[in-house]
Amino acid sequence: MEKNVGGYDRIARLVLGPIVIIAALAIYFEVLAVAGLLGAALVVAGLLVGAVLVATGATQVCVLNRLLGIDTYRDRTGEDESPDPGVGRAH
């Protein structure tokens, strides 16, 4: 699959993913008080969302971005794919 996650999008995923996982674990270990079914749902949702954020940030591939047509990845191999022929070339 082509990479479609980059720049600030990738940084945000790699920062927020572990924070969400830590918050879910804090609820699980009762550091944050959320009891009952809501607490269990938040733990499961937090671990799942956090893991997805970390995985998509690390692999730079997001299926949801692909479905929505979002691409924040910029190829840095030196190939110019810009529509304006004058952009990105040395003069």
PDB file of N, CA and C in Angstrom:
ATOM      1  N   MET A   1       0.833  -1.181   0.000  1.00  0.00           N
ATOM      2  CA  MET A   1       0.000   0.000   0.000  1.00  0.00           C
ATOM      3  C   MET A   1       0.882   1.250   0.000  1.00  0.00           C
ATOM      4  N   GLU A   2       0.389   2.273  -0.656  1.00  0.00           N
ATOM      5  CA  GLU A   2       1.120   3.533  -0.701  1.00  0.00           C
ATOM      6  C   GLU A   2       1.002   4.280   0.614  1.00  0.00           C
ATOM      7  N   LYS A   3       2.077   4.962   0.983  1.00  0.00           N
ATOM      8  CA  LYS A   3       2.055   5.781   2.190  1.00  0.00           C
ATOM      9  C   LYS A   3       1.137   6.980   1.963  1.00  0.00           C
ATOM     10  N   ASN A   4       0.338   7.312   2.988  1.00  0.00           N
ATOM     11  CA  ASN A   4      -0.545   8.468   2.889  1.00  0.00           C
ATOM     12  C   ASN A   4      -0.630   9.253   4.195  1.00  0.00           C
ATOM     13  N   VAL A   5       0.284   8.976   5.121  1.00  0.00           N
ATOM     14  CA  VAL A   5       0.330   9.687   6.398  1.00  0.00           C
ATOM     15  C   VAL A   5       1.727  10.271   6.557  1.00  0.00           C
ATOM     16  N   GLY A   6       1.801  11.583   6.721  1.00  0.00           N
ATOM     17  CA  GLY A   6       3.099  12.218   6.883  1.00  0.00           C
ATOM     18  C   GLY A   6       2.971  13.562   7.574  1.00  0.00           C
ATOM     19  N   GLY A   7       4.077  14.210   7.767  1.00  0.00           N
ATOM     20  CA  GLY A   7       4.101  15.556   8.341  1.00  0.00           C
ATOM     21  C   GLY A   7       3.514  15.616   9.733  1.00  0.00           C
ATOM     22  N   TYR A   8       2.738  16.679   9.957  1.00  0.00           N
ATOM     23  CA  TYR A   8       2.137  16.888  11.275  1.00  0.00           C
ATOM     24  C   TYR A   8       1.106  15.817  11.607  1.00  0.00           C
ATOM     25  N   ASP A   9       0.471  15.264  10.602  1.00  0.00           N
ATOM     26  CA  ASP A   9      -0.490  14.182  10.805  1.00  0.00           C
ATOM     27  C   ASP A   9       0.199  12.992  11.472  1.00  0.00           C
ATOM     28  N   ARG A  10       1.367  12.625  10.977  1.00  0.00           N
ATOM     29  CA  ARG A  10       2.116  11.502  11.536  1.00  0.00           C
ATOM     30  C   ARG A  10       2.587  11.812  12.954  1.00  0.00           C
ATOM     31  N   ILE A  11       3.102  13.012  13.163  1.00  0.00           N
ATOM     32  CA  ILE A  11       3.575  13.403  14.491  1.00  0.00           C
ATOM     33  C   ILE A  11       2.433  13.357  15.498  1.00  0.00           C
ATOM     34  N   ALA A  12       1.270  13.877  15.099  1.00  0.00           N
ATOM     35  CA  ALA A  12       0.112  13.874  15.993  1.00  0.00           C
ATOM     36  C   ALA A  12      -0.296  12.452  16.365  1.00  0.00           C
ATOM     37  N   ARG A  13      -0.289  11.558  15.395  1.00  0.00           N
ATOM     38  CA  ARG A  13      -0.655  10.165  15.672  1.00  0.00           C
ATOM     39  C   ARG A  13       0.343   9.502  16.622  1.00  0.00           C
ATOM     40  N   LEU A  14       1.636   9.781  16.419  1.00  0.00           N
ATOM     41  CA  LEU A  14       2.658   9.157  17.256  1.00  0.00           C
ATOM     42  C   LEU A  14       2.725   9.755  18.657  1.00  0.00           C
ATOM     43  N   VAL A  15       2.199  10.954  18.836  1.00  0.00           N
ATOM     44  CA  VAL A  15       2.146  11.562  20.166  1.00  0.00           C
ATOM     45  C   VAL A  15       0.832  11.210  20.870  1.00  0.00           C
ATOM     46  N   LEU A  16      -0.291  11.368  20.161  1.00  0.00           N
ATOM     47  CA  LEU A  16      -1.593  11.141  20.783  1.00  0.00           C
ATOM     48  C   LEU A  16      -1.895   9.660  21.025  1.00  0.00           C
ATOM     49  N   GLY A  17      -1.395   8.774  20.168  1.00  0.00           N
ATOM     50  CA  GLY A  17      -1.644   7.342  20.349  1.00  0.00           C
ATOM     51  C   GLY A  17      -1.209   6.831  21.713  1.00  0.00           C
ATOM     52  N   PRO A  18       0.054   7.043  22.095  1.00  0.00           N
ATOM     53  CA  PRO A  18       0.477   6.583  23.427  1.00  0.00           C
ATOM     54  C   PRO A  18      -0.261   7.291  24.572  1.00  0.00           C
ATOM     55  N   ILE A  19      -0.624   8.551  24.381  1.00  0.00           N
ATOM     56  CA  ILE A  19      -1.373   9.260  25.426  1.00  0.00           C
ATOM     57  C   ILE A  19      -2.736   8.612  25.638  1.00  0.00           C
ATOM     58  N   VAL A  20      -3.414   8.259  24.552  1.00  0.00           N
ATOM     59  CA  VAL A  20      -4.718   7.598  24.653  1.00  0.00           C
ATOM     60  C   VAL A  20      -4.563   6.221  25.303  1.00  0.00           C
ATOM     61  N   ILE A  21      -3.525   5.500  24.953  1.00  0.00           N
ATOM     62  CA  ILE A  21      -3.280   4.183  25.563  1.00  0.00           C
ATOM     63  C   ILE A  21      -3.017   4.328  27.058  1.00  0.00           C
ATOM     64  N   ILE A  22      -2.217   5.304  27.447  1.00  0.00           N
ATOM     65  CA  ILE A  22      -1.923   5.529  28.868  1.00  0.00           C
ATOM     66  C   ILE A  22      -3.194   5.908  29.620  1.00  0.00           C
ATOM     67  N   ALA A  23      -4.034   6.746  29.022  1.00  0.00           N
ATOM     68  CA  ALA A  23      -5.300   7.127  29.665  1.00  0.00           C
ATOM     69  C   ALA A  23      -6.199   5.902  29.843  1.00  0.00           C
ATOM     70  N   ALA A  24      -6.255   5.030  28.840  1.00  0.00           N
ATOM     71  CA  ALA A  24      -7.068   3.808  28.950  1.00  0.00           C
ATOM     72  C   ALA A  24      -6.538   2.902  30.057  1.00  0.00           C
ATOM     73  N   LEU A  25      -5.209   2.772  30.126  1.00  0.00           N
ATOM     74  CA  LEU A  25      -4.625   1.951  31.185  1.00  0.00           C
ATOM     75  C   LEU A  25      -4.843   2.572  32.561  1.00  0.00           C
ATOM     76  N   ALA A  26      -4.843   3.893  32.638  1.00  0.00           N
ATOM     77  CA  ALA A  26      -5.113   4.574  33.915  1.00  0.00           C
ATOM     78  C   ALA A  26      -6.542   4.286  34.378  1.00  0.00           C
ATOM     79  N   ILE A  27      -7.484   4.232  33.447  1.00  0.00           N
ATOM     80  CA  ILE A  27      -8.861   3.874  33.808  1.00  0.00           C
ATOM     81  C   ILE A  27      -8.907   2.415  34.246  1.00  0.00           C
ATOM     82  N   TYR A  28      -8.213   1.544  33.535  1.00  0.00           N
ATOM     83  CA  TYR A  28      -8.223   0.117  33.861  1.00  0.00           C
ATOM     84  C   TYR A  28      -7.649  -0.138  35.259  1.00  0.00           C
ATOM     85  N   PHE A  29      -6.552   0.518  35.579  1.00  0.00           N
ATOM     86  CA  PHE A  29      -5.918   0.324  36.885  1.00  0.00           C
ATOM     87  C   PHE A  29      -6.473   1.260  37.948  1.00  0.00           C
ATOM     88  N   GLU A  30      -7.592   1.910  37.642  1.00  0.00           N
ATOM     89  CA  GLU A  30      -8.355   2.755  38.567  1.00  0.00           C
ATOM     90  C   GLU A  30      -7.570   3.959  39.079  1.00  0.00           C
ATOM     91  N   VAL A  31      -6.627   4.434  38.277  1.00  0.00           N
ATOM     92  CA  VAL A  31      -5.954   5.691  38.591  1.00  0.00           C
ATOM     93  C   VAL A  31      -6.909   6.836  38.272  1.00  0.00           C
ATOM     94  N   LEU A  32      -7.652   6.695  37.184  1.00  0.00           N
ATOM     95  CA  LEU A  32      -8.748   7.600  36.850  1.00  0.00           C
ATOM     96  C   LEU A  32     -10.048   6.881  37.181  1.00  0.00           C
ATOM     97  N   ALA A  33     -10.926   7.541  37.910  1.00  0.00           N
ATOM     98  CA  ALA A  33     -12.133   6.885  38.398  1.00  0.00           C
ATOM     99  C   ALA A  33     -13.272   6.978  37.382  1.00  0.00           C
ATOM    100  N   VAL A  34     -13.472   5.900  36.646  1.00  0.00           N
ATOM    101  CA  VAL A  34     -14.633   5.738  35.773  1.00  0.00           C
ATOM    102  C   VAL A  34     -15.105   4.313  35.995  1.00  0.00           C
ATOM    103  N   ALA A  35     -16.254   4.169  36.632  1.00  0.00           N
ATOM    104  CA  ALA A  35     -16.689   2.843  37.052  1.00  0.00           C
ATOM    105  C   ALA A  35     -17.692   2.236  36.086  1.00  0.00           C
ATOM    106  N   GLY A  36     -17.864   0.965  36.231  1.00  0.00           N
ATOM    107  CA  GLY A  36     -18.914   0.251  35.533  1.00  0.00           C
ATOM    108  C   GLY A  36     -18.663   0.018  34.060  1.00  0.00           C
ATOM    109  N   LEU A  37     -19.772  -0.098  33.359  1.00  0.00           N
ATOM    110  CA  LEU A  37     -19.733  -0.411  31.931  1.00  0.00           C
ATOM    111  C   LEU A  37     -19.076   0.702  31.127  1.00  0.00           C
ATOM    112  N   LEU A  38     -19.277   1.947  31.532  1.00  0.00           N
ATOM    113  CA  LEU A  38     -18.654   3.071  30.837  1.00  0.00           C
ATOM    114  C   LEU A  38     -17.136   2.978  30.936  1.00  0.00           C
ATOM    115  N   GLY A  39     -16.625   2.648  32.094  1.00  0.00           N
ATOM    116  CA  GLY A  39     -15.184   2.498  32.279  1.00  0.00           C
ATOM    117  C   GLY A  39     -14.618   1.391  31.402  1.00  0.00           C
ATOM    118  N   ALA A  40     -15.315   0.264  31.348  1.00  0.00           N
ATOM    119  CA  ALA A  40     -14.856  -0.854  30.520  1.00  0.00           C
ATOM    120  C   ALA A  40     -14.867  -0.468  29.040  1.00  0.00           C
ATOM    121  N   ALA A  41     -15.907   0.237  28.616  1.00  0.00           N
ATOM    122  CA  ALA A  41     -16.006   0.670  27.221  1.00  0.00           C
ATOM    123  C   ALA A  41     -14.891   1.657  26.883  1.00  0.00           C
ATOM    124  N   LEU A  42     -14.596   2.562  27.796  1.00  0.00           N
ATOM    125  CA  LEU A  42     -13.525   3.533  27.560  1.00  0.00           C
ATOM    126  C   LEU A  42     -12.155   2.855  27.491  1.00  0.00           C
ATOM    127  N   VAL A  43     -11.953   1.837  28.307  1.00  0.00           N
ATOM    128  CA  VAL A  43     -10.678   1.109  28.264  1.00  0.00           C
ATOM    129  C   VAL A  43     -10.508   0.420  26.911  1.00  0.00           C
ATOM    130  N   VAL A  44     -11.526  -0.300  26.478  1.00  0.00           N
ATOM    131  CA  VAL A  44     -11.442  -1.017  25.204  1.00  0.00           C
ATOM    132  C   VAL A  44     -11.282  -0.032  24.046  1.00  0.00           C
ATOM    133  N   ALA A  45     -12.109   1.006  24.020  1.00  0.00           N
ATOM    134  CA  ALA A  45     -12.043   1.997  22.944  1.00  0.00           C
ATOM    135  C   ALA A  45     -10.697   2.721  22.953  1.00  0.00           C
ATOM    136  N   GLY A  46     -10.208   3.077  24.133  1.00  0.00           N
ATOM    137  CA  GLY A  46      -8.940   3.787  24.240  1.00  0.00           C
ATOM    138  C   GLY A  46      -7.765   2.961  23.768  1.00  0.00           C
ATOM    139  N   LEU A  47      -7.749   1.686  24.158  1.00  0.00           N
ATOM    140  CA  LEU A  47      -6.665   0.816  23.710  1.00  0.00           C
ATOM    141  C   LEU A  47      -6.717   0.602  22.203  1.00  0.00           C
ATOM    142  N   LEU A  48      -7.909   0.437  21.664  1.00  0.00           N
ATOM    143  CA  LEU A  48      -8.058   0.221  20.227  1.00  0.00           C
ATOM    144  C   LEU A  48      -7.668   1.465  19.429  1.00  0.00           C
ATOM    145  N   VAL A  49      -8.204   2.613  19.819  1.00  0.00           N
ATOM    146  CA  VAL A  49      -7.902   3.862  19.107  1.00  0.00           C
ATOM    147  C   VAL A  49      -6.421   4.205  19.230  1.00  0.00           C
ATOM    148  N   GLY A  50      -5.866   4.062  20.426  1.00  0.00           N
ATOM    149  CA  GLY A  50      -4.446   4.354  20.629  1.00  0.00           C
ATOM    150  C   GLY A  50      -3.554   3.455  19.792  1.00  0.00           C
ATOM    151  N   ALA A  51      -3.887   2.164  19.735  1.00  0.00           N
ATOM    152  CA  ALA A  51      -3.095   1.225  18.945  1.00  0.00           C
ATOM    153  C   ALA A  51      -3.173   1.552  17.449  1.00  0.00           C
ATOM    154  N   VAL A  52      -4.363   1.921  16.982  1.00  0.00           N
ATOM    155  CA  VAL A  52      -4.522   2.286  15.566  1.00  0.00           C
ATOM    156  C   VAL A  52      -3.719   3.542  15.253  1.00  0.00           C
ATOM    157  N   LEU A  53      -3.763   4.534  16.138  1.00  0.00           N
ATOM    158  CA  LEU A  53      -2.994   5.762  15.908  1.00  0.00           C
ATOM    159  C   LEU A  53      -1.497   5.478  15.840  1.00  0.00           C
ATOM    160  N   VAL A  54      -1.002   4.684  16.758  1.00  0.00           N
ATOM    161  CA  VAL A  54       0.431   4.348  16.756  1.00  0.00           C
ATOM    162  C   VAL A  54       0.794   3.550  15.506  1.00  0.00           C
ATOM    163  N   ALA A  55      -0.026   2.574  15.158  1.00  0.00           N
ATOM    164  CA  ALA A  55       0.270   1.733  13.993  1.00  0.00           C
ATOM    165  C   ALA A  55       0.239   2.545  12.694  1.00  0.00           C
ATOM    166  N   THR A  56      -0.759   3.401  12.529  1.00  0.00           N
ATOM    167  CA  THR A  56      -0.840   4.189  11.298  1.00  0.00           C
ATOM    168  C   THR A  56       0.250   5.253  11.243  1.00  0.00           C
ATOM    169  N   GLY A  57       0.639   5.771  12.388  1.00  0.00           N
ATOM    170  CA  GLY A  57       1.738   6.730  12.404  1.00  0.00           C
ATOM    171  C   GLY A  57       3.072   6.070  12.096  1.00  0.00           C
ATOM    172  N   ALA A  58       3.255   4.863  12.589  1.00  0.00           N
ATOM    173  CA  ALA A  58       4.521   4.152  12.373  1.00  0.00           C
ATOM    174  C   ALA A  58       4.652   3.636  10.937  1.00  0.00           C
ATOM    175  N   THR A  59       3.561   3.116  10.383  1.00  0.00           N
ATOM    176  CA  THR A  59       3.615   2.557   9.029  1.00  0.00           C
ATOM    177  C   THR A  59       3.362   3.605   7.950  1.00  0.00           C
ATOM    178  N   GLN A  60       2.816   4.738   8.339  1.00  0.00           N
ATOM    179  CA  GLN A  60       2.460   5.836   7.430  1.00  0.00           C
ATOM    180  C   GLN A  60       1.398   5.428   6.416  1.00  0.00           C
ATOM    181  N   VAL A  61       0.568   4.461   6.778  1.00  0.00           N
ATOM    182  CA  VAL A  61      -0.516   4.009   5.920  1.00  0.00           C
ATOM    183  C   VAL A  61      -1.805   3.995   6.744  1.00  0.00           C
ATOM    184  N   CYS A  62      -2.851   4.671   6.242  1.00  0.00           N
ATOM    185  CA  CYS A  62      -4.136   4.711   6.932  1.00  0.00           C
ATOM    186  C   CYS A  62      -5.237   4.402   5.922  1.00  0.00           C
ATOM    187  N   VAL A  63      -5.990   3.347   6.182  1.00  0.00           N
ATOM    188  CA  VAL A  63      -7.060   2.938   5.279  1.00  0.00           C
ATOM    189  C   VAL A  63      -8.158   3.991   5.245  1.00  0.00           C
ATOM    190  N   LEU A  64      -8.489   4.580   6.391  1.00  0.00           N
ATOM    191  CA  LEU A  64      -9.528   5.609   6.429  1.00  0.00           C
ATOM    192  C   LEU A  64      -9.131   6.826   5.599  1.00  0.00           C
ATOM    193  N   ASN A  65      -7.872   7.237   5.697  1.00  0.00           N
ATOM    194  CA  ASN A  65      -7.393   8.337   4.845  1.00  0.00           C
ATOM    195  C   ASN A  65      -7.579   7.983   3.374  1.00  0.00           C
ATOM    196  N   ARG A  66      -7.257   6.764   3.013  1.00  0.00           N
ATOM    197  CA  ARG A  66      -7.388   6.327   1.617  1.00  0.00           C
ATOM    198  C   ARG A  66      -8.844   6.388   1.170  1.00  0.00           C
ATOM    199  N   LEU A  67      -9.758   5.910   2.012  1.00  0.00           N
ATOM    200  CA  LEU A  67     -11.183   5.928   1.669  1.00  0.00           C
ATOM    201  C   LEU A  67     -11.713   7.350   1.516  1.00  0.00           C
ATOM    202  N   LEU A  68     -11.185   8.274   2.334  1.00  0.00           N
ATOM    203  CA  LEU A  68     -11.634   9.668   2.280  1.00  0.00           C
ATOM    204  C   LEU A  68     -10.858  10.501   1.270  1.00  0.00           C
ATOM    205  N   GLY A  69      -9.837   9.912   0.668  1.00  0.00           N
ATOM    206  CA  GLY A  69      -9.040  10.635  -0.317  1.00  0.00           C
ATOM    207  C   GLY A  69      -8.064  11.630   0.290  1.00  0.00           C
ATOM    208  N   ILE A  70      -7.658  11.386   1.529  1.00  0.00           N
ATOM    209  CA  ILE A  70      -6.730  12.277   2.227  1.00  0.00           C
ATOM    210  C   ILE A  70      -5.317  11.720   2.099  1.00  0.00           C
ATOM    211  N   ASP A  71      -4.373  12.581   1.726  1.00  0.00           N
ATOM    212  CA  ASP A  71      -2.978  12.172   1.603  1.00  0.00           C
ATOM    213  C   ASP A  71      -2.091  13.274   2.157  1.00  0.00           C
ATOM    214  N   THR A  72      -1.496  13.049   3.327  1.00  0.00           N
ATOM    215  CA  THR A  72      -0.620  14.051   3.939  1.00  0.00           C
ATOM    216  C   THR A  72       0.849  13.679   3.802  1.00  0.00           C
ATOM    217  N   TYR A  73       1.124  12.600   3.085  1.00  0.00           N
ATOM    218  CA  TYR A  73       2.504  12.146   2.892  1.00  0.00           C
ATOM    219  C   TYR A  73       3.130  12.878   1.719  1.00  0.00           C
ATOM    220  N   ARG A  74       4.342  13.352   1.920  1.00  0.00           N
ATOM    221  CA  ARG A  74       5.088  14.005   0.845  1.00  0.00           C
ATOM    222  C   ARG A  74       6.336  13.184   0.586  1.00  0.00           C
ATOM    223  N   ASP A  75       6.480  12.696  -0.634  1.00  0.00           N
ATOM    224  CA  ASP A  75       7.637  11.885  -1.017  1.00  0.00           C
ATOM    225  C   ASP A  75       8.882  12.761  -1.040  1.00  0.00           C
ATOM    226  N   ARG A  76       9.918  12.346  -0.352  1.00  0.00           N
ATOM    227  CA  ARG A  76      11.145  13.137  -0.263  1.00  0.00           C
ATOM    228  C   ARG A  76      12.294  12.486  -1.034  1.00  0.00           C
ATOM    229  N   THR A  77      11.990  11.728  -2.068  1.00  0.00           N
ATOM    230  CA  THR A  77      13.036  11.050  -2.827  1.00  0.00           C
ATOM    231  C   THR A  77      13.720  11.962  -3.826  1.00  0.00           C
ATOM    232  N   GLY A  78      13.181  13.165  -3.998  1.00  0.00           N
ATOM    233  CA  GLY A  78      13.780  14.099  -4.937  1.00  0.00           C
ATOM    234  C   GLY A  78      13.035  14.185  -6.250  1.00  0.00           C
ATOM    235  N   GLU A  79      12.074  13.300  -6.455  1.00  0.00           N
ATOM    236  CA  GLU A  79      11.273  13.349  -7.667  1.00  0.00           C
ATOM    237  C   GLU A  79      10.232  14.441  -7.524  1.00  0.00           C
ATOM    238  N   ASP A  80      10.115  15.265  -8.548  1.00  0.00           N
ATOM    239  CA  ASP A  80       9.158  16.364  -8.515  1.00  0.00           C
ATOM    240  C   ASP A  80       7.860  15.912  -9.160  1.00  0.00           C
ATOM    241  N   GLU A  81       6.777  15.881  -8.381  1.00  0.00           N
ATOM    242  CA  GLU A  81       5.484  15.489  -8.915  1.00  0.00           C
ATOM    243  C   GLU A  81       4.518  16.658  -8.909  1.00  0.00           C
ATOM    244  N   SER A  82       5.017  17.879  -8.769  1.00  0.00           N
ATOM    245  CA  SER A  82       4.126  19.025  -8.704  1.00  0.00           C
ATOM    246  C   SER A  82       3.575  19.342 -10.089  1.00  0.00           C
ATOM    247  N   PRO A  83       2.330  19.846 -10.152  1.00  0.00           N
ATOM    248  CA  PRO A  83       1.735  20.139 -11.446  1.00  0.00           C
ATOM    249  C   PRO A  83       2.385  21.330 -12.151  1.00  0.00           C
ATOM    250  N   ASP A  84       3.016  22.231 -11.388  1.00  0.00           N
ATOM    251  CA  ASP A  84       3.671  23.396 -11.980  1.00  0.00           C
ATOM    252  C   ASP A  84       5.109  23.010 -12.308  1.00  0.00           C
ATOM    253  N   PRO A  85       5.506  23.025 -13.583  1.00  0.00           N
ATOM    254  CA  PRO A  85       6.838  22.564 -13.948  1.00  0.00           C
ATOM    255  C   PRO A  85       7.969  23.396 -13.357  1.00  0.00           C
ATOM    256  N   GLY A  86       7.693  24.621 -12.945  1.00  0.00           N
ATOM    257  CA  GLY A  86       8.753  25.477 -12.389  1.00  0.00           C
ATOM    258  C   GLY A  86       8.972  25.282 -10.912  1.00  0.00           C
ATOM    259  N   VAL A  87       8.062  24.603 -10.228  1.00  0.00           N
ATOM    260  CA  VAL A  87       8.144  24.442  -8.786  1.00  0.00           C
ATOM    261  C   VAL A  87       9.057  23.273  -8.442  1.00  0.00           C
ATOM    262  N   GLY A  88       9.975  23.472  -7.533  1.00  0.00           N
ATOM    263  CA  GLY A  88      10.808  22.401  -7.019  1.00  0.00           C
ATOM    264  C   GLY A  88      12.048  22.098  -7.829  1.00  0.00           C
ATOM    265  N   ARG A  89      12.303  22.855  -8.851  1.00  0.00           N
ATOM    266  CA  ARG A  89      13.494  22.611  -9.665  1.00  0.00           C
ATOM    267  C   ARG A  89      14.564  23.656  -9.379  1.00  0.00           C
ATOM    268  N   ALA A  90      15.799  23.194  -9.433  1.00  0.00           N
ATOM    269  CA  ALA A  90      16.924  24.125  -9.237  1.00  0.00           C
ATOM    270  C   ALA A  90      17.090  24.976 -10.487  1.00  0.00           C
ATOM    271  N   HIS A  91      17.396  26.252 -10.290  1.00  0.00           N
ATOM    272  CA  HIS A  91      17.569  27.166 -11.421  1.00  0.00           C
ATOM    273  C   HIS A  91      19.011  27.519 -11.621  1.00  0.00           C
TER     274      HIS A  91
END
